[in-house]
Amino acid sequence: MRIGMLTSGGDCPGLNGTIRGFCKYIFNRFPDAEILGFKEGYAGLMNSDYMILHPADIDNILDKGGTILGSSRQPYKLMTVSENGAPTKLSQMVANYKALGLDYLITLGGAGTHKTASLLAVEGCKVIGCPKTIDDDLFGTDVTFGFETAVQTASDEIKRIRTTAESHSRVFFVEVMGNKVGWLTLHAGMAAGADAILIPEIPYDDDAIAAYVLARTKTARSTVIAVAEGVMSKAEAAMTKKTRKEYTAQMGSATARLVKSVRDRTGIECYATVLGHVQRGGEPCAYDKVITTEIGAYAASLVEKGISGVTVCVRGTRLAYNHLTEIAGKTRFVPSEGQLVSLCRSMGIFLGDQL
C-alpha cells in the first residue's frame, strides 16, 4: 500500500501530532506500507516533491509545533485555471497521484484545503481529510485541532496586556486572528476575562464603542478589548466588498481603525496590540496532543476500512466522518444569538453592537 500525506494552508500546533498518529497506526497494522510526505502542501503533489516517511521520522514529533512536511497556500480559485494552455494545478495533482501509484491521499488542512481535497475526490483520488485550523470554522465538526492551543496562547497574551493596562490605567485593543469567524477571539476573550469582545459575526457600532470606553475610564482602572482581525463596524458592513477593501487598506488593521475611531470621538488615548503569528506557533497543549493522535489514527482506520472521499470530524466526544462534497465550501460561524454570545451579554461582556 502506498499513501501520500500533506499539510496545506496556515500552520498550527498539532500537525505533527496528526502525522504521527496516522503513521504509527499504519506502520503497526501494515508493516510494508509506504508513506510519502509531500513537501510544502499541495505544491509537493503538483511537483512530485516528497520524502518517504519512516518510523524514526515520526518518533519524537508530538511536542513540535509547525509541520515536518512544510506547508504553503494554494488558492482554491486557481486550481482549475489553465495558464497559457498549460495543465491546471488540479490535473497535475491527479496525474501525479496516479503516476506515483498512490492508494490514498491524506490532507491536513482547513477550509481551502478541504475544498481542493473535494475536487481531487471527485476526480477519482481516494482522499481523507483531517480538520486543522486555529479558527475552528470548519463545517461539520465540533473541534478542529490547533484551536485549543491557540486559545491558550491568545488568552495568555491578553492577560499579560491586562497587567500593564492596570498599571497605567490604559485602554487596550488586542487583535486576535480570525478573518471571517470569531470563535478564537470569543473563547480567548472569555478565558482572559476581557471586558469586551468584538467578532466578525456582530458588526460593532462606533458610537457605542466610544461611549463604552468613555464610561469605563470613569469607573475602572483599565479596559481590555479582544478584537478579531476581521471585525467591521456597522458602517463598514454596509459598504460594498470593493469599497470596504479599499477602506481597510487605507485605515489599517481592525485595532488601528478602532483606536482612531475611539480617539476621534472621545479624545482618549488607546493602545493597540496585534498578537499575530505567535498564535500559530509553539508546542501543542495536552488536549491537542491527544485529539491529533486520535484524529490521525482514526484517519488511518478509515484507510484500513477502505473508506475515502471523507474528512474526519469530532462530534461531542466521538470521532466520525463527513463526506467532503457535503462540507467543502461551508463555514461554521459563531451564531450571533447562540449560547456563548447570550452568556456574554448576560454577564455584561460588551460585544460592540449595543450598550
Protein backbone atom coordinates (compact mmCIF):
# COMPACT_ATOMS: atom_id res chain seq x y z
CA MET A 1 0.00 0.00 0.00
CA ARG A 2 1.26 3.48 -0.94
CA ILE A 3 -0.16 6.53 0.83
CA GLY A 4 0.51 10.22 0.27
CA MET A 5 0.22 12.80 3.04
CA LEU A 6 0.43 16.59 3.05
CA THR A 7 -0.15 19.61 5.27
CA SER A 8 -1.62 22.63 3.50
CA GLY A 9 -2.51 26.22 4.34
CA GLY A 10 -1.55 28.05 7.51
CA ASP A 11 0.36 26.01 10.07
CA CYS A 12 -0.85 25.38 13.60
CA PRO A 13 0.03 23.32 16.66
CA GLY A 14 -0.89 19.66 16.21
CA LEU A 15 0.01 18.99 12.59
CA ASN A 16 2.95 16.83 13.61
CA GLY A 17 0.82 15.00 16.15
CA THR A 18 -1.67 14.08 13.43
CA ILE A 19 1.10 12.93 11.11
CA ARG A 20 2.49 10.81 13.95
CA GLY A 21 -0.88 9.29 14.91
CA PHE A 22 -1.60 8.31 11.30
CA CYS A 23 1.85 6.90 10.60
CA LYS A 24 2.10 4.90 13.82
CA TYR A 25 -1.25 3.23 13.10
CA ILE A 26 -0.29 2.40 9.52
CA PHE A 27 3.21 1.17 10.37
CA ASN A 28 1.78 -1.02 13.11
CA ARG A 29 -1.03 -2.51 11.01
CA PHE A 30 0.67 -2.53 7.61
CA PRO A 31 4.44 -3.02 8.07
CA ASP A 32 5.05 -2.98 4.32
CA ALA A 33 3.13 0.25 3.68
CA GLU A 34 4.96 3.21 2.18
CA ILE A 35 4.03 6.75 3.23
CA LEU A 36 5.05 9.67 1.00
CA GLY A 37 5.14 13.01 2.77
CA PHE A 38 4.62 15.72 0.15
CA LYS A 39 6.64 18.86 0.81
CA GLU A 40 5.02 22.30 1.06
CA GLY A 41 1.42 21.10 0.87
CA TYR A 42 -0.33 20.72 -2.47
CA ALA A 43 2.75 22.20 -4.18
CA GLY A 44 4.59 18.97 -3.35
CA LEU A 45 1.88 16.90 -5.02
CA MET A 46 1.91 19.18 -8.05
CA ASN A 47 5.68 18.81 -8.41
CA SER A 48 6.10 15.21 -7.17
CA ASP A 49 8.32 16.58 -4.41
CA TYR A 50 8.17 14.27 -1.43
CA MET A 51 10.04 12.41 1.29
CA ILE A 52 9.49 8.82 2.36
CA LEU A 53 8.41 8.76 5.99
CA HIS A 54 9.94 6.09 8.22
CA PRO A 55 9.14 5.22 11.84
CA ALA A 56 12.22 7.10 13.02
CA ASP A 57 10.96 10.28 11.34
CA ILE A 58 7.84 10.44 13.48
CA ASP A 59 9.11 9.09 16.82
CA ASN A 60 9.63 12.43 18.60
CA ILE A 61 7.45 14.96 16.80
CA LEU A 62 4.36 15.02 19.04
CA ASP A 63 5.64 18.02 21.01
CA LYS A 64 6.81 20.01 17.99
CA GLY A 65 4.86 22.92 16.58
CA GLY A 66 4.62 23.53 12.85
CA THR A 67 4.91 20.67 10.37
CA ILE A 68 7.85 18.50 9.40
CA LEU A 69 6.47 18.40 5.84
CA GLY A 70 6.28 22.16 5.36
CA SER A 71 3.20 23.97 4.11
CA SER A 72 2.08 26.55 1.57
CA ARG A 73 -1.09 28.26 0.49
CA GLN A 74 -2.52 27.32 -2.91
CA PRO A 75 -5.56 29.49 -3.76
CA TYR A 76 -8.55 27.27 -4.43
CA LYS A 77 -9.88 29.56 -7.17
CA LEU A 78 -6.74 28.89 -9.23
CA MET A 79 -6.90 25.10 -9.02
CA THR A 80 -8.90 24.68 -12.21
CA VAL A 81 -7.45 27.64 -14.14
CA SER A 82 -5.19 26.91 -17.11
CA GLU A 83 -2.47 29.47 -17.83
CA ASN A 84 -1.36 29.73 -21.45
CA GLY A 85 -2.75 26.31 -22.25
CA ALA A 86 -0.76 24.57 -19.51
CA PRO A 87 -2.36 21.80 -17.43
CA THR A 88 -4.32 23.05 -14.44
CA LYS A 89 -2.96 22.55 -10.93
CA LEU A 90 -5.76 20.10 -10.30
CA SER A 91 -4.94 18.00 -13.35
CA GLN A 92 -1.24 17.99 -12.40
CA MET A 93 -2.08 16.66 -8.95
CA VAL A 94 -4.41 13.98 -10.30
CA ALA A 95 -1.77 12.90 -12.84
CA ASN A 96 0.93 12.68 -10.15
CA TYR A 97 -1.41 10.81 -7.79
CA LYS A 98 -1.80 8.17 -10.48
CA ALA A 99 1.83 8.19 -11.66
CA LEU A 100 3.09 7.64 -8.11
CA GLY A 101 0.70 4.73 -7.65
CA LEU A 102 -0.97 6.19 -4.59
CA ASP A 103 -3.74 4.22 -2.95
CA TYR A 104 -4.75 7.11 -0.67
CA LEU A 105 -4.01 10.78 -0.08
CA ILE A 106 -4.30 12.24 3.45
CA THR A 107 -4.74 16.02 3.58
CA LEU A 108 -4.32 18.00 6.80
CA GLY A 109 -5.80 21.47 6.50
CA GLY A 110 -8.58 23.97 6.83
CA ALA A 111 -11.33 25.31 4.58
CA GLY A 112 -9.27 25.83 1.42
CA THR A 113 -7.50 22.51 1.84
CA HIS A 114 -10.82 20.70 2.14
CA LYS A 115 -12.26 22.36 -0.96
CA THR A 116 -9.28 21.21 -3.00
CA ALA A 117 -9.46 17.75 -1.41
CA SER A 118 -13.09 17.54 -2.54
CA LEU A 119 -12.04 18.36 -6.12
CA LEU A 120 -9.45 15.58 -6.01
CA ALA A 121 -12.02 13.13 -4.65
CA VAL A 122 -14.43 13.97 -7.47
CA GLU A 123 -11.58 13.27 -9.92
CA GLY A 124 -11.21 9.76 -8.56
CA CYS A 125 -8.43 10.18 -5.99
CA LYS A 126 -9.01 8.40 -2.67
CA VAL A 127 -8.76 11.30 -0.23
CA ILE A 128 -9.22 11.55 3.53
CA GLY A 129 -9.12 14.94 5.20
CA CYS A 130 -8.14 15.90 8.75
CA PRO A 131 -9.63 19.10 10.27
CA LYS A 132 -6.93 21.65 11.04
CA THR A 133 -7.35 25.36 11.81
CA ILE A 134 -6.95 27.69 14.77
CA ASP A 135 -10.16 29.39 13.59
CA ASP A 136 -12.36 26.36 14.44
CA ASP A 137 -14.53 27.29 11.46
CA LEU A 138 -14.76 24.01 9.52
CA PHE A 139 -18.33 22.99 8.88
CA GLY A 140 -19.49 19.64 10.28
CA THR A 141 -17.04 19.26 13.17
CA ASP A 142 -17.27 20.48 16.75
CA VAL A 143 -13.50 20.84 17.04
CA THR A 144 -10.53 21.47 14.77
CA PHE A 145 -7.07 20.65 16.06
CA GLY A 146 -4.84 23.61 16.88
CA PHE A 147 -7.76 25.66 18.17
CA GLU A 148 -7.37 24.90 21.89
CA THR A 149 -3.65 25.69 21.82
CA ALA A 150 -4.30 28.97 20.01
CA VAL A 151 -6.98 29.87 22.57
CA GLN A 152 -4.49 29.24 25.37
CA THR A 153 -1.80 31.31 23.67
CA ALA A 154 -4.11 34.22 22.85
CA SER A 155 -5.71 34.27 26.30
CA ASP A 156 -2.29 34.24 27.98
CA GLU A 157 -1.20 37.24 25.91
CA ILE A 158 -4.41 39.14 26.62
CA LYS A 159 -3.89 38.56 30.35
CA ARG A 160 -0.36 39.96 30.06
CA ILE A 161 -1.76 43.05 28.39
CA ARG A 162 -4.21 43.35 31.28
CA THR A 163 -1.38 43.71 33.82
CA THR A 164 0.21 46.64 32.02
CA ALA A 165 -3.19 48.18 31.32
CA GLU A 166 -3.93 48.02 35.07
CA SER A 167 -0.57 49.53 35.96
CA HIS A 168 -1.03 52.56 33.72
CA SER A 169 -4.85 52.92 33.65
CA ARG A 170 -4.97 52.35 29.91
CA VAL A 171 -7.36 51.18 27.22
CA PHE A 172 -6.06 48.32 25.06
CA PHE A 173 -7.46 46.76 21.91
CA VAL A 174 -5.87 43.33 21.43
CA GLU A 175 -6.20 41.88 17.94
CA VAL A 176 -6.66 38.11 17.68
CA MET A 177 -6.57 36.05 14.49
CA GLY A 178 -9.92 35.36 12.85
CA ASN A 179 -10.61 36.95 9.48
CA LYS A 180 -14.10 35.57 8.89
CA VAL A 181 -15.21 33.99 12.17
CA GLY A 182 -14.85 34.85 15.85
CA TRP A 183 -14.52 31.52 17.65
CA LEU A 184 -10.89 32.11 18.65
CA THR A 185 -11.46 35.66 19.83
CA LEU A 186 -14.64 34.72 21.69
CA HIS A 187 -13.02 31.83 23.57
CA ALA A 188 -9.72 33.64 24.22
CA GLY A 189 -11.54 36.77 25.36
CA MET A 190 -13.72 34.83 27.76
CA ALA A 191 -10.74 32.85 29.09
CA ALA A 192 -8.76 36.04 29.66
CA GLY A 193 -11.59 37.95 31.28
CA ALA A 194 -11.70 40.60 28.55
CA ASP A 195 -14.09 43.49 29.21
CA ALA A 196 -15.36 43.47 25.63
CA ILE A 197 -15.14 41.02 22.73
CA LEU A 198 -15.60 42.05 19.11
CA ILE A 199 -16.14 39.38 16.43
CA PRO A 200 -16.90 39.46 12.68
CA GLU A 201 -20.37 37.99 13.10
CA ILE A 202 -21.53 41.03 15.11
CA PRO A 203 -20.72 44.37 13.39
CA TYR A 204 -19.92 46.99 16.01
CA ASP A 205 -21.32 50.48 16.41
CA ASP A 206 -18.64 53.19 16.53
CA ASP A 207 -20.64 55.45 18.83
CA ALA A 208 -21.48 52.56 21.18
CA ILE A 209 -17.79 51.56 21.38
CA ALA A 210 -16.78 55.13 22.17
CA ALA A 211 -19.50 55.52 24.82
CA TYR A 212 -18.48 52.20 26.41
CA VAL A 213 -14.80 53.11 26.59
CA LEU A 214 -15.59 56.57 27.97
CA ALA A 215 -17.81 55.11 30.68
CA ARG A 216 -15.17 52.53 31.64
CA THR A 217 -12.48 55.17 32.14
CA LYS A 218 -14.65 56.75 34.86
CA THR A 219 -15.23 53.53 36.80
CA ALA A 220 -12.30 51.17 36.14
CA ARG A 221 -8.51 51.38 36.01
CA SER A 222 -8.30 49.60 32.68
CA THR A 223 -10.25 48.38 29.70
CA VAL A 224 -9.11 45.41 27.62
CA ILE A 225 -10.99 44.59 24.43
CA ALA A 226 -10.36 41.40 22.42
CA VAL A 227 -10.77 42.11 18.70
CA ALA A 228 -10.99 39.57 15.88
CA GLU A 229 -8.90 40.73 12.92
CA GLY A 230 -11.93 40.50 10.60
CA VAL A 231 -14.28 42.71 12.60
CA MET A 232 -16.04 45.59 10.94
CA SER A 233 -18.23 48.45 12.04
CA LYS A 234 -21.86 48.66 11.01
CA ALA A 235 -20.84 51.37 8.56
CA GLU A 236 -18.16 49.13 7.05
CA ALA A 237 -20.59 46.21 6.87
CA ALA A 238 -22.90 48.34 4.73
CA MET A 239 -20.13 49.04 2.18
CA THR A 240 -19.63 47.03 -0.98
CA LYS A 241 -16.88 44.46 -0.75
CA LYS A 242 -14.65 46.53 -3.05
CA THR A 243 -15.21 49.77 -1.14
CA ARG A 244 -14.61 48.04 2.21
CA LYS A 245 -11.37 46.53 0.91
CA GLU A 246 -10.14 49.96 -0.18
CA TYR A 247 -11.21 51.48 3.14
CA THR A 248 -9.44 48.89 5.29
CA ALA A 249 -6.32 49.12 3.13
CA GLN A 250 -6.23 52.85 3.84
CA MET A 251 -7.19 52.71 7.52
CA GLY A 252 -5.14 49.69 8.56
CA SER A 253 -5.85 46.76 10.85
CA ALA A 254 -9.01 46.31 12.87
CA THR A 255 -7.32 47.56 16.01
CA ALA A 256 -5.88 50.59 14.20
CA ARG A 257 -9.34 51.55 12.92
CA LEU A 258 -10.88 51.13 16.38
CA VAL A 259 -8.18 53.17 18.08
CA LYS A 260 -8.70 56.04 15.63
CA SER A 261 -12.50 55.84 15.94
CA VAL A 262 -12.47 55.96 19.75
CA ARG A 263 -9.77 58.63 19.91
CA ASP A 264 -11.61 60.86 17.45
CA ARG A 265 -14.88 60.52 19.38
CA THR A 266 -13.60 60.75 22.95
CA GLY A 267 -10.08 62.17 22.93
CA ILE A 268 -8.98 59.14 24.98
CA GLU A 269 -5.60 57.69 24.07
CA CYS A 270 -5.97 53.98 23.28
CA TYR A 271 -3.36 51.36 22.55
CA ALA A 272 -3.34 48.54 20.02
CA THR A 273 -1.59 45.18 20.23
CA VAL A 274 -1.67 42.70 17.34
CA LEU A 275 -0.87 39.17 18.53
CA GLY A 276 -0.18 37.89 15.02
CA HIS A 277 1.56 34.62 14.26
CA VAL A 278 2.51 33.73 17.83
CA GLN A 279 -0.98 32.20 17.91
CA ARG A 280 0.02 29.64 15.28
CA GLY A 281 3.34 28.61 16.79
CA GLY A 282 4.71 26.56 19.60
CA GLU A 283 4.08 23.23 21.29
CA PRO A 284 0.50 21.92 21.25
CA CYS A 285 -1.38 21.85 24.52
CA ALA A 286 -2.21 18.47 26.08
CA TYR A 287 -5.70 18.46 24.56
CA ASP A 288 -4.36 18.99 21.06
CA LYS A 289 -1.75 16.29 21.55
CA VAL A 290 -4.48 13.82 22.42
CA ILE A 291 -7.02 14.86 19.78
CA THR A 292 -4.45 14.94 16.98
CA THR A 293 -3.26 11.47 17.91
CA GLU A 294 -6.86 10.31 17.81
CA ILE A 295 -7.63 12.06 14.52
CA GLY A 296 -4.51 10.73 12.82
CA ALA A 297 -5.16 7.18 13.98
CA TYR A 298 -8.85 7.42 13.06
CA ALA A 299 -7.94 8.57 9.54
CA ALA A 300 -5.67 5.53 9.28
CA SER A 301 -8.52 3.29 10.41
CA LEU A 302 -10.60 4.65 7.52
CA VAL A 303 -7.82 3.60 5.15
CA GLU A 304 -7.93 0.15 6.68
CA LYS A 305 -11.69 0.02 6.12
CA GLY A 306 -11.42 1.20 2.53
CA ILE A 307 -13.33 4.46 3.13
CA SER A 308 -12.43 7.60 1.16
CA GLY A 309 -13.85 10.89 -0.07
CA VAL A 310 -14.38 11.93 3.54
CA THR A 311 -12.91 14.09 6.29
CA VAL A 312 -12.58 13.23 9.97
CA CYS A 313 -14.81 15.17 12.35
CA VAL A 314 -15.40 15.41 16.09
CA ARG A 315 -18.97 15.05 17.33
CA GLY A 316 -19.18 15.52 21.05
CA THR A 317 -16.67 13.03 22.45
CA ARG A 318 -16.66 10.73 19.42
CA LEU A 319 -14.83 10.73 16.11
CA ALA A 320 -16.74 10.27 12.88
CA TYR A 321 -16.51 11.49 9.30
CA ASN A 322 -18.28 13.70 6.79
CA HIS A 323 -18.28 13.38 3.02
CA LEU A 324 -16.03 16.02 1.50
CA THR A 325 -18.61 17.06 -1.08
CA GLU A 326 -21.10 17.83 1.70
CA ILE A 327 -18.91 20.12 3.80
CA ALA A 328 -16.44 21.71 1.36
CA GLY A 329 -17.02 25.43 0.92
CA LYS A 330 -19.20 25.76 4.02
CA THR A 331 -18.20 27.77 7.08
CA ARG A 332 -19.03 27.30 10.75
CA PHE A 333 -19.81 30.78 12.05
CA VAL A 334 -20.41 31.92 15.62
CA PRO A 335 -24.23 32.14 15.97
CA SER A 336 -24.97 35.78 16.79
CA GLU A 337 -27.76 34.60 19.11
CA GLY A 338 -26.01 31.42 20.25
CA GLN A 339 -25.32 30.22 23.76
CA LEU A 340 -21.86 31.75 24.22
CA VAL A 341 -22.92 35.12 22.86
CA SER A 342 -26.01 35.12 25.07
CA LEU A 343 -23.90 34.23 28.12
CA CYS A 344 -21.52 37.08 27.37
CA ARG A 345 -24.38 39.55 27.19
CA SER A 346 -25.86 38.17 30.42
CA MET A 347 -22.55 38.73 32.22
CA GLY A 348 -22.16 42.25 30.91
CA ILE A 349 -19.37 41.50 28.46
CA PHE A 350 -19.70 44.20 25.81
CA LEU A 351 -19.97 42.88 22.22
CA GLY A 352 -19.77 46.21 20.46
CA ASP A 353 -23.19 46.48 18.87
CA GLN A 354 -25.26 47.95 21.69
CA LEU A 355 -24.76 49.24 25.21
